[in-house]
Amino acid sequence: MKNLLTLHEAVILVLIKQPNRTATYEKIAEEIEKRNLFPERKGGILLSEQIKLRTSISSSKYKHMFEKISKNEIKFI
């Protein structure tokens, strides 16, 4: 099944429903899996790690949309 959403869009959909729009990478990944928001992935990287890379590293073009709250937690701003 082709992805209808990009990964950062799936992350936003999950975070919008969370208290304070905040969650851990693992919780976000679990919810994306549960809701089948991003079924087709390439490579052998864990979904939680993909989320971390897409939302947190300085070279990410989506970093401005998220705030790193702690080592394992982000917030949609």
N, C-alpha and C. Protein backbone atom coordinates (compact mmCIF):
# COMPACT_ATOMS: atom_id res chain seq x y z
N MET A 1 0.85 -1.18 0.00
CA MET A 1 0.00 0.00 0.00
C MET A 1 0.89 1.24 0.00
N LYS A 2 0.64 2.14 -0.91
CA LYS A 2 1.41 3.37 -1.01
C LYS A 2 1.01 4.31 0.13
N ASN A 3 2.00 5.01 0.66
CA ASN A 3 1.74 5.96 1.74
C ASN A 3 0.94 7.15 1.22
N LEU A 4 -0.12 7.48 1.93
CA LEU A 4 -0.91 8.66 1.59
C LEU A 4 -0.37 9.90 2.28
N LEU A 5 0.41 9.69 3.34
CA LEU A 5 1.00 10.78 4.11
C LEU A 5 2.51 10.65 4.09
N THR A 6 3.18 11.77 4.27
CA THR A 6 4.62 11.71 4.52
C THR A 6 4.80 11.38 6.00
N LEU A 7 6.01 11.03 6.38
CA LEU A 7 6.24 10.68 7.77
C LEU A 7 6.00 11.86 8.70
N HIS A 8 6.45 13.04 8.32
CA HIS A 8 6.24 14.18 9.22
C HIS A 8 4.75 14.53 9.34
N GLU A 9 3.96 14.29 8.30
CA GLU A 9 2.51 14.51 8.40
C GLU A 9 1.88 13.51 9.36
N ALA A 10 2.32 12.26 9.30
CA ALA A 10 1.81 11.24 10.22
C ALA A 10 2.17 11.59 11.67
N VAL A 11 3.38 12.08 11.88
CA VAL A 11 3.81 12.49 13.22
C VAL A 11 2.91 13.61 13.73
N ILE A 12 2.62 14.58 12.89
CA ILE A 12 1.75 15.70 13.29
C ILE A 12 0.36 15.20 13.65
N LEU A 13 -0.20 14.29 12.86
CA LEU A 13 -1.53 13.76 13.17
C LEU A 13 -1.56 13.09 14.54
N VAL A 14 -0.51 12.41 14.89
CA VAL A 14 -0.44 11.77 16.20
C VAL A 14 -0.29 12.82 17.30
N LEU A 15 0.61 13.76 17.12
CA LEU A 15 0.89 14.74 18.17
C LEU A 15 -0.28 15.68 18.43
N ILE A 16 -1.07 15.98 17.44
CA ILE A 16 -2.21 16.88 17.63
C ILE A 16 -3.18 16.34 18.68
N LYS A 17 -3.28 15.03 18.78
CA LYS A 17 -4.22 14.40 19.73
C LYS A 17 -3.61 14.17 21.11
N GLN A 18 -2.33 14.44 21.29
CA GLN A 18 -1.65 14.19 22.56
C GLN A 18 -1.74 15.41 23.48
N PRO A 19 -1.74 15.17 24.79
CA PRO A 19 -1.72 16.30 25.72
C PRO A 19 -0.49 17.17 25.46
N ASN A 20 -0.70 18.46 25.37
CA ASN A 20 0.36 19.43 25.09
C ASN A 20 1.06 19.19 23.76
N ARG A 21 0.45 18.38 22.89
CA ARG A 21 1.04 18.04 21.59
C ARG A 21 2.44 17.46 21.74
N THR A 22 2.64 16.68 22.80
CA THR A 22 3.94 16.14 23.16
C THR A 22 3.87 14.63 23.34
N ALA A 23 4.91 13.93 22.86
CA ALA A 23 4.99 12.48 23.05
C ALA A 23 6.42 12.01 22.79
N THR A 24 6.71 10.80 23.24
CA THR A 24 8.02 10.21 22.96
C THR A 24 8.03 9.68 21.53
N TYR A 25 9.24 9.49 21.01
CA TYR A 25 9.38 8.92 19.67
C TYR A 25 8.74 7.55 19.60
N GLU A 26 8.89 6.77 20.66
CA GLU A 26 8.33 5.43 20.69
C GLU A 26 6.80 5.45 20.68
N LYS A 27 6.21 6.35 21.46
CA LYS A 27 4.74 6.46 21.50
C LYS A 27 4.20 6.90 20.13
N ILE A 28 4.88 7.84 19.51
CA ILE A 28 4.47 8.29 18.18
C ILE A 28 4.54 7.13 17.19
N ALA A 29 5.65 6.39 17.23
CA ALA A 29 5.81 5.24 16.32
C ALA A 29 4.72 4.19 16.55
N GLU A 30 4.43 3.90 17.80
CA GLU A 30 3.37 2.93 18.13
C GLU A 30 2.02 3.37 17.55
N GLU A 31 1.71 4.65 17.71
CA GLU A 31 0.43 5.16 17.23
C GLU A 31 0.37 5.16 15.69
N ILE A 32 1.47 5.50 15.05
CA ILE A 32 1.52 5.47 13.59
C ILE A 32 1.30 4.04 13.10
N GLU A 33 1.95 3.09 13.75
CA GLU A 33 1.77 1.67 13.39
C GLU A 33 0.33 1.23 13.62
N LYS A 34 -0.20 1.57 14.77
CA LYS A 34 -1.57 1.16 15.14
C LYS A 34 -2.59 1.70 14.15
N ARG A 35 -2.40 2.93 13.72
CA ARG A 35 -3.34 3.58 12.81
C ARG A 35 -2.98 3.40 11.34
N ASN A 36 -1.86 2.68 11.09
CA ASN A 36 -1.41 2.39 9.72
C ASN A 36 -1.26 3.67 8.88
N LEU A 37 -0.67 4.69 9.50
CA LEU A 37 -0.54 5.99 8.83
C LEU A 37 0.64 6.05 7.86
N PHE A 38 1.63 5.20 8.05
CA PHE A 38 2.82 5.21 7.21
C PHE A 38 3.29 3.77 7.00
N PRO A 39 2.53 2.99 6.21
CA PRO A 39 2.78 1.56 6.11
C PRO A 39 4.02 1.16 5.31
N GLU A 40 4.37 1.93 4.31
CA GLU A 40 5.48 1.54 3.43
C GLU A 40 6.74 2.31 3.80
N ARG A 41 7.76 1.59 4.27
CA ARG A 41 9.02 2.22 4.66
C ARG A 41 10.18 1.51 3.97
N LYS A 42 11.23 2.27 3.75
CA LYS A 42 12.43 1.72 3.14
C LYS A 42 13.53 1.64 4.18
N GLY A 43 14.44 0.71 3.99
CA GLY A 43 15.56 0.57 4.89
C GLY A 43 15.18 -0.18 6.14
N GLY A 44 16.17 -0.47 6.95
CA GLY A 44 15.93 -1.25 8.15
C GLY A 44 15.93 -0.43 9.42
N ILE A 45 15.67 0.86 9.31
CA ILE A 45 15.69 1.74 10.47
C ILE A 45 14.37 1.65 11.22
N LEU A 46 14.44 1.55 12.54
CA LEU A 46 13.22 1.54 13.35
C LEU A 46 12.41 2.81 13.09
N LEU A 47 11.10 2.69 13.14
CA LEU A 47 10.24 3.84 12.90
C LEU A 47 10.51 4.95 13.91
N SER A 48 10.72 4.61 15.16
CA SER A 48 10.99 5.63 16.18
C SER A 48 12.27 6.40 15.85
N GLU A 49 13.27 5.71 15.31
CA GLU A 49 14.52 6.36 14.92
C GLU A 49 14.32 7.25 13.69
N GLN A 50 13.51 6.79 12.74
CA GLN A 50 13.18 7.61 11.57
C GLN A 50 12.49 8.90 12.00
N ILE A 51 11.58 8.79 12.96
CA ILE A 51 10.87 9.96 13.48
C ILE A 51 11.85 10.92 14.13
N LYS A 52 12.75 10.38 14.91
CA LYS A 52 13.76 11.21 15.57
C LYS A 52 14.60 11.96 14.53
N LEU A 53 15.06 11.25 13.52
CA LEU A 53 15.87 11.88 12.48
C LEU A 53 15.08 12.94 11.72
N ARG A 54 13.85 12.65 11.40
CA ARG A 54 13.04 13.57 10.60
C ARG A 54 12.65 14.83 11.35
N THR A 55 12.56 14.74 12.67
CA THR A 55 12.05 15.87 13.45
C THR A 55 13.11 16.60 14.27
N SER A 56 14.29 16.02 14.43
CA SER A 56 15.24 16.58 15.39
C SER A 56 16.60 17.00 14.85
N ILE A 57 17.11 16.32 13.84
CA ILE A 57 18.48 16.64 13.42
C ILE A 57 18.51 17.99 12.72
N SER A 58 19.64 18.65 12.83
CA SER A 58 19.76 20.03 12.33
C SER A 58 19.56 20.14 10.82
N SER A 59 19.85 19.09 10.07
CA SER A 59 19.69 19.15 8.61
C SER A 59 18.27 18.84 8.14
N SER A 60 17.39 18.47 9.05
CA SER A 60 16.01 18.15 8.67
C SER A 60 15.25 19.40 8.25
N LYS A 61 14.55 19.33 7.14
CA LYS A 61 13.77 20.49 6.71
C LYS A 61 12.45 20.62 7.46
N TYR A 62 12.18 19.71 8.39
CA TYR A 62 10.95 19.78 9.18
C TYR A 62 11.23 20.14 10.64
N LYS A 63 12.47 20.34 10.99
CA LYS A 63 12.87 20.60 12.38
C LYS A 63 12.13 21.80 12.97
N HIS A 64 11.87 22.81 12.16
CA HIS A 64 11.21 24.03 12.66
C HIS A 64 9.78 23.78 13.15
N MET A 65 9.21 22.63 12.81
CA MET A 65 7.84 22.32 13.19
C MET A 65 7.75 21.63 14.56
N PHE A 66 8.90 21.22 15.09
CA PHE A 66 8.93 20.43 16.31
C PHE A 66 9.93 21.02 17.30
N GLU A 67 9.62 20.84 18.57
CA GLU A 67 10.52 21.26 19.64
C GLU A 67 10.96 20.01 20.39
N LYS A 68 12.25 19.86 20.58
CA LYS A 68 12.77 18.72 21.34
C LYS A 68 12.61 19.04 22.82
N ILE A 69 11.80 18.26 23.51
CA ILE A 69 11.50 18.48 24.92
C ILE A 69 12.53 17.78 25.80
N SER A 70 12.89 16.58 25.43
CA SER A 70 13.92 15.81 26.15
C SER A 70 14.61 14.91 25.14
N LYS A 71 15.47 14.06 25.63
CA LYS A 71 16.22 13.16 24.75
C LYS A 71 15.31 12.31 23.86
N ASN A 72 14.16 11.93 24.38
CA ASN A 72 13.25 11.02 23.67
C ASN A 72 11.86 11.58 23.42
N GLU A 73 11.69 12.88 23.55
CA GLU A 73 10.34 13.44 23.47
C GLU A 73 10.35 14.73 22.64
N ILE A 74 9.31 14.87 21.81
CA ILE A 74 9.15 16.08 21.00
C ILE A 74 7.76 16.67 21.16
N LYS A 75 7.64 17.90 20.72
CA LYS A 75 6.37 18.63 20.76
C LYS A 75 6.13 19.24 19.40
N PHE A 76 4.90 19.17 18.93
CA PHE A 76 4.51 19.85 17.70
C PHE A 76 4.19 21.30 18.05
N ILE A 77 4.88 22.24 17.40
CA ILE A 77 4.66 23.66 17.73
C ILE A 77 3.92 24.39 16.63
